[in-house]
């Protein structure tokens, strides 16, 4: 139960940060190649324009930035760095985006 409270607090802080920065965005996801572990992510601004878009691959239950090389999907350099941080316990996992990214 305490972990749920921690998650709620974290989400509240993140949302408040977005609101205070005037940078609230919507995330849109679309499956890629009919795979459940691969998605295309877009950060959409209030005016409907796309601020950032990238692919994500689900590894160990978390989403990390991905890319396709030579026809094979895998983690991008940033995705590998985020995954390594997750393994070391220094990250909550998942790739980022957001304002000005």
PDB file of N, CA and C in Angstrom:
ATOM      1  N   UNK A   1       0.820  -1.188   0.000  1.00  0.00           N
ATOM      2  CA  UNK A   1       0.000   0.000   0.000  1.00  0.00           C
ATOM      3  C   UNK A   1       0.865   1.253   0.000  1.00  0.00           C
ATOM      4  N   UNK A   2       1.999   1.213   0.705  1.00  0.00           N
ATOM      5  CA  UNK A   2       2.866   2.395   0.742  1.00  0.00           C
ATOM      6  C   UNK A   2       3.490   2.670  -0.621  1.00  0.00           C
ATOM      7  N   UNK A   3       3.724   1.612  -1.408  1.00  0.00           N
ATOM      8  CA  UNK A   3       4.284   1.834  -2.747  1.00  0.00           C
ATOM      9  C   UNK A   3       3.250   2.518  -3.642  1.00  0.00           C
ATOM     10  N   UNK A   4       1.979   2.206  -3.455  1.00  0.00           N
ATOM     11  CA  UNK A   4       0.927   2.872  -4.222  1.00  0.00           C
ATOM     12  C   UNK A   4       0.882   4.352  -3.872  1.00  0.00           C
ATOM     13  N   UNK A   5       1.014   4.672  -2.607  1.00  0.00           N
ATOM     14  CA  UNK A   5       1.034   6.076  -2.186  1.00  0.00           C
ATOM     15  C   UNK A   5       2.233   6.796  -2.776  1.00  0.00           C
ATOM     16  N   UNK A   6       3.381   6.126  -2.823  1.00  0.00           N
ATOM     17  CA  UNK A   6       4.583   6.729  -3.399  1.00  0.00           C
ATOM     18  C   UNK A   6       4.394   7.003  -4.885  1.00  0.00           C
ATOM     19  N   UNK A   7       3.770   6.075  -5.584  1.00  0.00           N
ATOM     20  CA  UNK A   7       3.516   6.249  -7.019  1.00  0.00           C
ATOM     21  C   UNK A   7       2.564   7.422  -7.241  1.00  0.00           C
ATOM     22  N   UNK A   8       1.522   7.503  -6.436  1.00  0.00           N
ATOM     23  CA  UNK A   8       0.558   8.598  -6.568  1.00  0.00           C
ATOM     24  C   UNK A   8       1.239   9.936  -6.301  1.00  0.00           C
ATOM     25  N   UNK A   9       2.090   9.989  -5.287  1.00  0.00           N
ATOM     26  CA  UNK A   9       2.813  11.225  -4.988  1.00  0.00           C
ATOM     27  C   UNK A   9       3.727  11.613  -6.144  1.00  0.00           C
ATOM     28  N   UNK A  10       4.440  10.621  -6.694  1.00  0.00           N
ATOM     29  CA  UNK A  10       5.345  10.893  -7.811  1.00  0.00           C
ATOM     30  C   UNK A  10       4.576  11.420  -9.016  1.00  0.00           C
ATOM     31  N   UNK A  11       3.456  10.776  -9.341  1.00  0.00           N
ATOM     32  CA  UNK A  11       2.660  11.224 -10.480  1.00  0.00           C
ATOM     33  C   UNK A  11       2.108  12.630 -10.251  1.00  0.00           C
ATOM     34  N   UNK A  12       1.727  12.922  -9.031  1.00  0.00           N
ATOM     35  CA  UNK A  12       1.234  14.258  -8.709  1.00  0.00           C
ATOM     36  C   UNK A  12       2.322  15.298  -8.907  1.00  0.00           C
ATOM     37  N   UNK A  13       3.527  14.995  -8.445  1.00  0.00           N
ATOM     38  CA  UNK A  13       4.645  15.930  -8.589  1.00  0.00           C
ATOM     39  C   UNK A  13       4.969  16.153 -10.065  1.00  0.00           C
ATOM     40  N   UNK A  14       5.001  15.085 -10.840  1.00  0.00           N
ATOM     41  CA  UNK A  14       5.302  15.197 -12.273  1.00  0.00           C
ATOM     42  C   UNK A  14       4.223  16.017 -12.978  1.00  0.00           C
ATOM     43  N   UNK A  15       2.966  15.730 -12.686  1.00  0.00           N
ATOM     44  CA  UNK A  15       1.880  16.470 -13.314  1.00  0.00           C
ATOM     45  C   UNK A  15       1.937  17.943 -12.935  1.00  0.00           C
ATOM     46  N   UNK A  16       2.192  18.227 -11.682  1.00  0.00           N
ATOM     47  CA  UNK A  16       2.287  19.621 -11.252  1.00  0.00           C
ATOM     48  C   UNK A  16       3.455  20.329 -11.952  1.00  0.00           C
ATOM     49  N   UNK A  17       4.553  19.613 -12.144  1.00  0.00           N
ATOM     50  CA  UNK A  17       5.691  20.185 -12.860  1.00  0.00           C
ATOM     51  C   UNK A  17       5.320  20.564 -14.281  1.00  0.00           C
ATOM     52  N   UNK A  18       4.570  19.680 -14.949  1.00  0.00           N
ATOM     53  CA  UNK A  18       4.117  19.984 -16.306  1.00  0.00           C
ATOM     54  C   UNK A  18       3.187  21.186 -16.310  1.00  0.00           C
ATOM     55  N   UNK A  19       2.259  21.208 -15.379  1.00  0.00           N
ATOM     56  CA  UNK A  19       1.304  22.313 -15.330  1.00  0.00           C
ATOM     57  C   UNK A  19       2.000  23.633 -15.051  1.00  0.00           C
ATOM     58  N   UNK A  20       2.935  23.627 -14.117  1.00  0.00           N
ATOM     59  CA  UNK A  20       3.640  24.852 -13.767  1.00  0.00           C
ATOM     60  C   UNK A  20       4.539  25.339 -14.904  1.00  0.00           C
ATOM     61  N   UNK A  21       5.051  24.417 -15.695  1.00  0.00           N
ATOM     62  CA  UNK A  21       5.915  24.827 -16.794  1.00  0.00           C
ATOM     63  C   UNK A  21       5.112  25.197 -18.037  1.00  0.00           C
ATOM     64  N   UNK A  22       3.806  25.018 -17.981  1.00  0.00           N
ATOM     65  CA  UNK A  22       2.973  25.322 -19.139  1.00  0.00           C
ATOM     66  C   UNK A  22       3.212  24.349 -20.268  1.00  0.00           C
ATOM     67  N   UNK A  23       3.533  23.132 -19.930  1.00  0.00           N
ATOM     68  CA  UNK A  23       4.013  22.181 -20.915  1.00  0.00           C
ATOM     69  C   UNK A  23       3.231  20.874 -20.889  1.00  0.00           C
ATOM     70  N   UNK A  24       1.977  20.913 -20.543  1.00  0.00           N
ATOM     71  CA  UNK A  24       1.181  19.694 -20.491  1.00  0.00           C
ATOM     72  C   UNK A  24       1.000  19.164 -21.911  1.00  0.00           C
ATOM     73  N   UNK A  25       1.308  17.901 -22.085  1.00  0.00           N
ATOM     74  CA  UNK A  25       1.211  17.283 -23.400  1.00  0.00           C
ATOM     75  C   UNK A  25       0.456  15.967 -23.281  1.00  0.00           C
ATOM     76  N   UNK A  26      -0.012  15.485 -24.399  1.00  0.00           N
ATOM     77  CA  UNK A  26      -0.706  14.211 -24.467  1.00  0.00           C
ATOM     78  C   UNK A  26       0.201  13.208 -25.158  1.00  0.00           C
ATOM     79  N   UNK A  27       0.208  12.000 -24.637  1.00  0.00           N
ATOM     80  CA  UNK A  27       0.974  10.943 -25.292  1.00  0.00           C
ATOM     81  C   UNK A  27       0.009  10.073 -26.080  1.00  0.00           C
ATOM     82  N   UNK A  28       0.386   9.758 -27.320  1.00  0.00           N
ATOM     83  CA  UNK A  28      -0.390   8.864 -28.166  1.00  0.00           C
ATOM     84  C   UNK A  28       0.487   7.665 -28.496  1.00  0.00           C
ATOM     85  N   UNK A  29      -0.121   6.482 -28.463  1.00  0.00           N
ATOM     86  CA  UNK A  29       0.611   5.253 -28.751  1.00  0.00           C
ATOM     87  C   UNK A  29      -0.046   4.511 -29.898  1.00  0.00           C
ATOM     88  N   UNK A  30       0.760   3.857 -30.716  1.00  0.00           N
ATOM     89  CA  UNK A  30       0.255   3.006 -31.791  1.00  0.00           C
ATOM     90  C   UNK A  30       1.132   1.760 -31.872  1.00  0.00           C
ATOM     91  N   UNK A  31       0.501   0.605 -31.921  1.00  0.00           N
ATOM     92  CA  UNK A  31       1.258  -0.638 -32.060  1.00  0.00           C
ATOM     93  C   UNK A  31       1.979  -0.660 -33.398  1.00  0.00           C
ATOM     94  N   UNK A  32       3.113  -1.323 -33.426  1.00  0.00           N
ATOM     95  CA  UNK A  32       3.920  -1.425 -34.640  1.00  0.00           C
ATOM     96  C   UNK A  32       4.062  -2.902 -35.001  1.00  0.00           C
ATOM     97  N   UNK A  33       3.918  -3.204 -36.270  1.00  0.00           N
ATOM     98  CA  UNK A  33       4.078  -4.569 -36.788  1.00  0.00           C
ATOM     99  C   UNK A  33       3.210  -5.584 -36.045  1.00  0.00           C
ATOM    100  N   UNK A  34       2.035  -5.151 -35.564  1.00  0.00           N
ATOM    101  CA  UNK A  34       1.113  -6.034 -34.824  1.00  0.00           C
ATOM    102  C   UNK A  34       1.770  -6.712 -33.623  1.00  0.00           C
ATOM    103  N   UNK A  35       2.729  -6.028 -33.013  1.00  0.00           N
ATOM    104  CA  UNK A  35       3.417  -6.568 -31.831  1.00  0.00           C
ATOM    105  C   UNK A  35       2.942  -5.833 -30.583  1.00  0.00           C
ATOM    106  N   UNK A  36       2.753  -6.565 -29.513  1.00  0.00           N
ATOM    107  CA  UNK A  36       2.345  -5.960 -28.253  1.00  0.00           C
ATOM    108  C   UNK A  36       3.519  -5.346 -27.496  1.00  0.00           C
ATOM    109  N   UNK A  37       4.740  -5.719 -27.882  1.00  0.00           N
ATOM    110  CA  UNK A  37       5.920  -5.214 -27.174  1.00  0.00           C
ATOM    111  C   UNK A  37       6.622  -4.081 -27.920  1.00  0.00           C
ATOM    112  N   UNK A  38       5.983  -3.557 -28.960  1.00  0.00           N
ATOM    113  CA  UNK A  38       6.587  -2.503 -29.759  1.00  0.00           C
ATOM    114  C   UNK A  38       5.522  -1.452 -30.073  1.00  0.00           C
ATOM    115  N   UNK A  39       5.853  -0.177 -29.809  1.00  0.00           N
ATOM    116  CA  UNK A  39       4.885   0.879 -30.067  1.00  0.00           C
ATOM    117  C   UNK A  39       5.574   2.144 -30.568  1.00  0.00           C
ATOM    118  N   UNK A  40       4.778   2.941 -31.288  1.00  0.00           N
ATOM    119  CA  UNK A  40       5.209   4.253 -31.748  1.00  0.00           C
ATOM    120  C   UNK A  40       4.575   5.263 -30.800  1.00  0.00           C
ATOM    121  N   UNK A  41       5.382   6.145 -30.240  1.00  0.00           N
ATOM    122  CA  UNK A  41       4.920   7.100 -29.235  1.00  0.00           C
ATOM    123  C   UNK A  41       5.060   8.515 -29.773  1.00  0.00           C
ATOM    124  N   UNK A  42       4.020   9.312 -29.561  1.00  0.00           N
ATOM    125  CA  UNK A  42       4.059  10.722 -29.933  1.00  0.00           C
ATOM    126  C   UNK A  42       3.665  11.559 -28.723  1.00  0.00           C
ATOM    127  N   UNK A  43       4.417  12.628 -28.485  1.00  0.00           N
ATOM    128  CA  UNK A  43       4.057  13.636 -27.489  1.00  0.00           C
ATOM    129  C   UNK A  43       3.375  14.751 -28.272  1.00  0.00           C
ATOM    130  N   UNK A  44       2.093  14.990 -27.998  1.00  0.00           N
ATOM    131  CA  UNK A  44       1.311  15.963 -28.733  1.00  0.00           C
ATOM    132  C   UNK A  44       1.070  17.193 -27.854  1.00  0.00           C
ATOM    133  N   UNK A  45       1.400  18.357 -28.380  1.00  0.00           N
ATOM    134  CA  UNK A  45       1.192  19.614 -27.659  1.00  0.00           C
ATOM    135  C   UNK A  45      -0.283  19.985 -27.652  1.00  0.00           C
ATOM    136  N   UNK A  46      -0.611  20.970 -26.859  1.00  0.00           N
ATOM    137  CA  UNK A  46      -2.002  21.451 -26.784  1.00  0.00           C
ATOM    138  C   UNK A  46      -2.534  21.881 -28.140  1.00  0.00           C
ATOM    139  N   UNK A  47      -1.670  22.457 -28.978  1.00  0.00           N
ATOM    140  CA  UNK A  47      -2.122  22.939 -30.289  1.00  0.00           C
ATOM    141  C   UNK A  47      -2.242  21.818 -31.320  1.00  0.00           C
ATOM    142  N   UNK A  48      -1.953  20.575 -30.918  1.00  0.00           N
ATOM    143  CA  UNK A  48      -2.089  19.428 -31.806  1.00  0.00           C
ATOM    144  C   UNK A  48      -0.827  19.059 -32.559  1.00  0.00           C
ATOM    145  N   UNK A  49       0.214  19.885 -32.475  1.00  0.00           N
ATOM    146  CA  UNK A  49       1.461  19.562 -33.156  1.00  0.00           C
ATOM    147  C   UNK A  49       2.246  18.533 -32.340  1.00  0.00           C
ATOM    148  N   UNK A  50       3.064  17.769 -33.014  1.00  0.00           N
ATOM    149  CA  UNK A  50       3.853  16.721 -32.365  1.00  0.00           C
ATOM    150  C   UNK A  50       5.173  17.314 -31.881  1.00  0.00           C
ATOM    151  N   UNK A  51       5.425  17.209 -30.579  1.00  0.00           N
ATOM    152  CA  UNK A  51       6.659  17.732 -29.991  1.00  0.00           C
ATOM    153  C   UNK A  51       7.807  16.742 -30.174  1.00  0.00           C
ATOM    154  N   UNK A  52       7.504  15.459 -30.059  1.00  0.00           N
ATOM    155  CA  UNK A  52       8.531  14.423 -30.186  1.00  0.00           C
ATOM    156  C   UNK A  52       7.852  13.109 -30.517  1.00  0.00           C
ATOM    157  N   UNK A  53       8.503  12.308 -31.322  1.00  0.00           N
ATOM    158  CA  UNK A  53       7.991  10.975 -31.620  1.00  0.00           C
ATOM    159  C   UNK A  53       9.165  10.002 -31.659  1.00  0.00           C
ATOM    160  N   UNK A  54       8.895   8.778 -31.239  1.00  0.00           N
ATOM    161  CA  UNK A  54       9.937   7.755 -31.191  1.00  0.00           C
ATOM    162  C   UNK A  54       9.281   6.390 -31.009  1.00  0.00           C
ATOM    163  N   UNK A  55      10.058   5.346 -31.218  1.00  0.00           N
ATOM    164  CA  UNK A  55       9.592   3.977 -31.011  1.00  0.00           C
ATOM    165  C   UNK A  55      10.014   3.522 -29.623  1.00  0.00           C
ATOM    166  N   UNK A  56       9.208   2.625 -29.045  1.00  0.00           N
ATOM    167  CA  UNK A  56       9.544   2.043 -27.751  1.00  0.00           C
ATOM    168  C   UNK A  56       9.354   0.539 -27.799  1.00  0.00           C
ATOM    169  N   UNK A  57      10.251  -0.169 -27.107  1.00  0.00           N
ATOM    170  CA  UNK A  57      10.216  -1.620 -27.001  1.00  0.00           C
ATOM    171  C   UNK A  57      10.045  -1.966 -25.533  1.00  0.00           C
ATOM    172  N   UNK A  58       9.157  -2.912 -25.247  1.00  0.00           N
ATOM    173  CA  UNK A  58       8.930  -3.305 -23.864  1.00  0.00           C
ATOM    174  C   UNK A  58       9.914  -4.412 -23.493  1.00  0.00           C
ATOM    175  N   UNK A  59      10.689  -4.151 -22.428  1.00  0.00           N
ATOM    176  CA  UNK A  59      11.671  -5.114 -21.926  1.00  0.00           C
ATOM    177  C   UNK A  59      11.462  -5.231 -20.423  1.00  0.00           C
ATOM    178  N   UNK A  60      11.280  -6.436 -19.940  1.00  0.00           N
ATOM    179  CA  UNK A  60      11.085  -6.675 -18.505  1.00  0.00           C
ATOM    180  C   UNK A  60       9.962  -5.822 -17.930  1.00  0.00           C
ATOM    181  N   UNK A  61       8.896  -5.600 -18.699  1.00  0.00           N
ATOM    182  CA  UNK A  61       7.736  -4.871 -18.221  1.00  0.00           C
ATOM    183  C   UNK A  61       7.836  -3.355 -18.308  1.00  0.00           C
ATOM    184  N   UNK A  62       8.943  -2.819 -18.781  1.00  0.00           N
ATOM    185  CA  UNK A  62       9.127  -1.370 -18.915  1.00  0.00           C
ATOM    186  C   UNK A  62       9.369  -1.019 -20.379  1.00  0.00           C
ATOM    187  N   UNK A  63       9.026   0.206 -20.743  1.00  0.00           N
ATOM    188  CA  UNK A  63       9.182   0.686 -22.110  1.00  0.00           C
ATOM    189  C   UNK A  63      10.463   1.494 -22.241  1.00  0.00           C
ATOM    190  N   UNK A  64      11.253   1.173 -23.278  1.00  0.00           N
ATOM    191  CA  UNK A  64      12.513   1.855 -23.546  1.00  0.00           C
ATOM    192  C   UNK A  64      12.568   2.243 -25.019  1.00  0.00           C
ATOM    193  N   UNK A  65      13.279   3.334 -25.310  1.00  0.00           N
ATOM    194  CA  UNK A  65      13.387   3.825 -26.685  1.00  0.00           C
ATOM    195  C   UNK A  65      14.015   2.757 -27.576  1.00  0.00           C
ATOM    196  N   UNK A  66      13.443   2.593 -28.768  1.00  0.00           N
ATOM    197  CA  UNK A  66      13.872   1.529 -29.681  1.00  0.00           C
ATOM    198  C   UNK A  66      14.170   2.083 -31.069  1.00  0.00           C
ATOM    199  N   UNK A  67      14.807   1.251 -31.863  1.00  0.00           N
ATOM    200  CA  UNK A  67      15.088   1.583 -33.259  1.00  0.00           C
ATOM    201  C   UNK A  67      15.153   0.286 -34.057  1.00  0.00           C
ATOM    202  N   UNK A  68      15.070   0.436 -35.365  1.00  0.00           N
ATOM    203  CA  UNK A  68      15.155  -0.723 -36.260  1.00  0.00           C
ATOM    204  C   UNK A  68      16.430  -0.608 -37.064  1.00  0.00           C
ATOM    205  N   UNK A  69      17.282  -1.617 -36.946  1.00  0.00           N
ATOM    206  CA  UNK A  69      18.530  -1.657 -37.708  1.00  0.00           C
ATOM    207  C   UNK A  69      18.590  -2.975 -38.471  1.00  0.00           C
ATOM    208  N   UNK A  70      18.873  -2.861 -39.759  1.00  0.00           N
ATOM    209  CA  UNK A  70      18.971  -4.044 -40.618  1.00  0.00           C
ATOM    210  C   UNK A  70      17.746  -4.947 -40.493  1.00  0.00           C
ATOM    211  N   UNK A  71      16.569  -4.320 -40.340  1.00  0.00           N
ATOM    212  CA  UNK A  71      15.323  -5.072 -40.275  1.00  0.00           C
ATOM    213  C   UNK A  71      15.014  -5.681 -38.916  1.00  0.00           C
ATOM    214  N   UNK A  72      15.843  -5.413 -37.908  1.00  0.00           N
ATOM    215  CA  UNK A  72      15.649  -6.007 -36.585  1.00  0.00           C
ATOM    216  C   UNK A  72      15.397  -4.901 -35.557  1.00  0.00           C
ATOM    217  N   UNK A  73      14.333  -5.050 -34.773  1.00  0.00           N
ATOM    218  CA  UNK A  73      14.026  -4.080 -33.723  1.00  0.00           C
ATOM    219  C   UNK A  73      14.856  -4.364 -32.484  1.00  0.00           C
ATOM    220  N   UNK A  74      15.353  -3.307 -31.873  1.00  0.00           N
ATOM    221  CA  UNK A  74      16.122  -3.418 -30.639  1.00  0.00           C
ATOM    222  C   UNK A  74      16.168  -2.070 -29.950  1.00  0.00           C
ATOM    223  N   UNK A  75      16.806  -2.023 -28.810  1.00  0.00           N
ATOM    224  CA  UNK A  75      16.906  -0.774 -28.066  1.00  0.00           C
ATOM    225  C   UNK A  75      17.858   0.183 -28.763  1.00  0.00           C
ATOM    226  N   UNK A  76      17.498   1.458 -28.763  1.00  0.00           N
ATOM    227  CA  UNK A  76      18.393   2.494 -29.276  1.00  0.00           C
ATOM    228  C   UNK A  76      19.493   2.717 -28.242  1.00  0.00           C
ATOM    229  N   UNK A  77      20.446   3.561 -28.557  1.00  0.00           N
ATOM    230  CA  UNK A  77      21.510   3.867 -27.597  1.00  0.00           C
ATOM    231  C   UNK A  77      20.915   4.416 -26.297  1.00  0.00           C
ATOM    232  N   UNK A  78      19.959   5.348 -26.425  1.00  0.00           N
ATOM    233  CA  UNK A  78      19.307   5.909 -25.234  1.00  0.00           C
ATOM    234  C   UNK A  78      18.531   4.826 -24.495  1.00  0.00           C
ATOM    235  N   UNK A  79      17.853   3.968 -25.228  1.00  0.00           N
ATOM    236  CA  UNK A  79      17.107   2.868 -24.617  1.00  0.00           C
ATOM    237  C   UNK A  79      18.014   1.924 -23.839  1.00  0.00           C
ATOM    238  N   UNK A  80      19.194   1.634 -24.408  1.00  0.00           N
ATOM    239  CA  UNK A  80      20.147   0.760 -23.707  1.00  0.00           C
ATOM    240  C   UNK A  80      20.649   1.427 -22.425  1.00  0.00           C
ATOM    241  N   UNK A  81      20.905   2.729 -22.494  1.00  0.00           N
ATOM    242  CA  UNK A  81      21.370   3.445 -21.299  1.00  0.00           C
ATOM    243  C   UNK A  81      20.288   3.437 -20.221  1.00  0.00           C
ATOM    244  N   UNK A  82      19.038   3.704 -20.613  1.00  0.00           N
ATOM    245  CA  UNK A  82      17.930   3.678 -19.657  1.00  0.00           C
ATOM    246  C   UNK A  82      17.754   2.284 -19.060  1.00  0.00           C
ATOM    247  N   UNK A  83      17.882   1.252 -19.901  1.00  0.00           N
ATOM    248  CA  UNK A  83      17.739  -0.125 -19.429  1.00  0.00           C
ATOM    249  C   UNK A  83      18.844  -0.470 -18.430  1.00  0.00           C
ATOM    250  N   UNK A  84      20.072  -0.075 -18.725  1.00  0.00           N
ATOM    251  CA  UNK A  84      21.179  -0.322 -17.797  1.00  0.00           C
ATOM    252  C   UNK A  84      20.944   0.378 -16.465  1.00  0.00           C
ATOM    253  N   UNK A  85      20.451   1.621 -16.508  1.00  0.00           N
ATOM    254  CA  UNK A  85      20.137   2.340 -15.274  1.00  0.00           C
ATOM    255  C   UNK A  85      19.049   1.624 -14.499  1.00  0.00           C
ATOM    256  N   UNK A  86      18.068   1.071 -15.197  1.00  0.00           N
ATOM    257  CA  UNK A  86      16.994   0.320 -14.549  1.00  0.00           C
ATOM    258  C   UNK A  86      17.570  -0.912 -13.856  1.00  0.00           C
ATOM    259  N   UNK A  87      18.481  -1.598 -14.525  1.00  0.00           N
ATOM    260  CA  UNK A  87      19.096  -2.791 -13.928  1.00  0.00           C
ATOM    261  C   UNK A  87      19.904  -2.448 -12.681  1.00  0.00           C
ATOM    262  N   UNK A  88      20.535  -1.277 -12.700  1.00  0.00           N
ATOM    263  CA  UNK A  88      21.320  -0.844 -11.559  1.00  0.00           C
ATOM    264  C   UNK A  88      20.470  -0.209 -10.461  1.00  0.00           C
ATOM    265  N   UNK A  89      19.185  -0.019 -10.745  1.00  0.00           N
ATOM    266  CA  UNK A  89      18.290   0.550  -9.759  1.00  0.00           C
ATOM    267  C   UNK A  89      18.334   2.047  -9.646  1.00  0.00           C
ATOM    268  N   UNK A  90      18.876   2.727 -10.671  1.00  0.00           N
ATOM    269  CA  UNK A  90      18.983   4.184 -10.609  1.00  0.00           C
ATOM    270  C   UNK A  90      17.964   4.880 -11.496  1.00  0.00           C
ATOM    271  N   UNK A  91      17.008   4.142 -12.059  1.00  0.00           N
ATOM    272  CA  UNK A  91      16.012   4.734 -12.941  1.00  0.00           C
ATOM    273  C   UNK A  91      14.696   4.016 -12.761  1.00  0.00           C
ATOM    274  N   UNK A  92      13.612   4.700 -13.047  1.00  0.00           N
ATOM    275  CA  UNK A  92      12.289   4.075 -12.957  1.00  0.00           C
ATOM    276  C   UNK A  92      11.919   3.367 -14.257  1.00  0.00           C
ATOM    277  N   UNK A  93      12.772   3.475 -15.270  1.00  0.00           N
ATOM    278  CA  UNK A  93      12.535   2.798 -16.535  1.00  0.00           C
ATOM    279  C   UNK A  93      11.739   3.644 -17.496  1.00  0.00           C
ATOM    280  N   UNK A  94      11.832   3.289 -18.733  1.00  0.00           N
ATOM    281  CA  UNK A  94      11.089   3.995 -19.763  1.00  0.00           C
ATOM    282  C   UNK A  94      11.875   5.172 -20.307  1.00  0.00           C
ATOM    283  N   UNK A  95      11.618   5.417 -21.565  1.00  0.00           N
ATOM    284  CA  UNK A  95      12.319   6.544 -22.156  1.00  0.00           C
ATOM    285  C   UNK A  95      11.500   7.788 -22.026  1.00  0.00           C
ATOM    286  N   UNK A  96      12.134   8.894 -22.216  1.00  0.00           N
ATOM    287  CA  UNK A  96      11.463  10.152 -21.960  1.00  0.00           C
ATOM    288  C   UNK A  96      11.097  10.886 -23.209  1.00  0.00           C
ATOM    289  N   UNK A  97      10.633  12.009 -23.004  1.00  0.00           N
ATOM    290  CA  UNK A  97      10.220  12.921 -24.026  1.00  0.00           C
ATOM    291  C   UNK A  97       9.824  14.151 -23.280  1.00  0.00           C
ATOM    292  N   UNK A  98       9.015  14.917 -23.855  1.00  0.00           N
ATOM    293  CA  UNK A  98       8.495  16.040 -23.105  1.00  0.00           C
ATOM    294  C   UNK A  98       8.840  17.357 -23.731  1.00  0.00           C
ATOM    295  N   UNK A  99       8.691  18.389 -22.963  1.00  0.00           N
ATOM    296  CA  UNK A  99       8.845  19.749 -23.452  1.00  0.00           C
ATOM    297  C   UNK A  99      10.256  20.002 -23.961  1.00  0.00           C
ATOM    298  N   UNK A 100      10.331  20.489 -25.155  1.00  0.00           N
ATOM    299  CA  UNK A 100      11.611  20.852 -25.719  1.00  0.00           C
ATOM    300  C   UNK A 100      12.493  19.687 -26.072  1.00  0.00           C
ATOM    301  N   UNK A 101      11.979  18.466 -25.954  1.00  0.00           N
ATOM    302  CA  UNK A 101      12.812  17.293 -26.250  1.00  0.00           C
ATOM    303  C   UNK A 101      12.836  17.029 -27.719  1.00  0.00           C
TER     304      UNK A 101
END
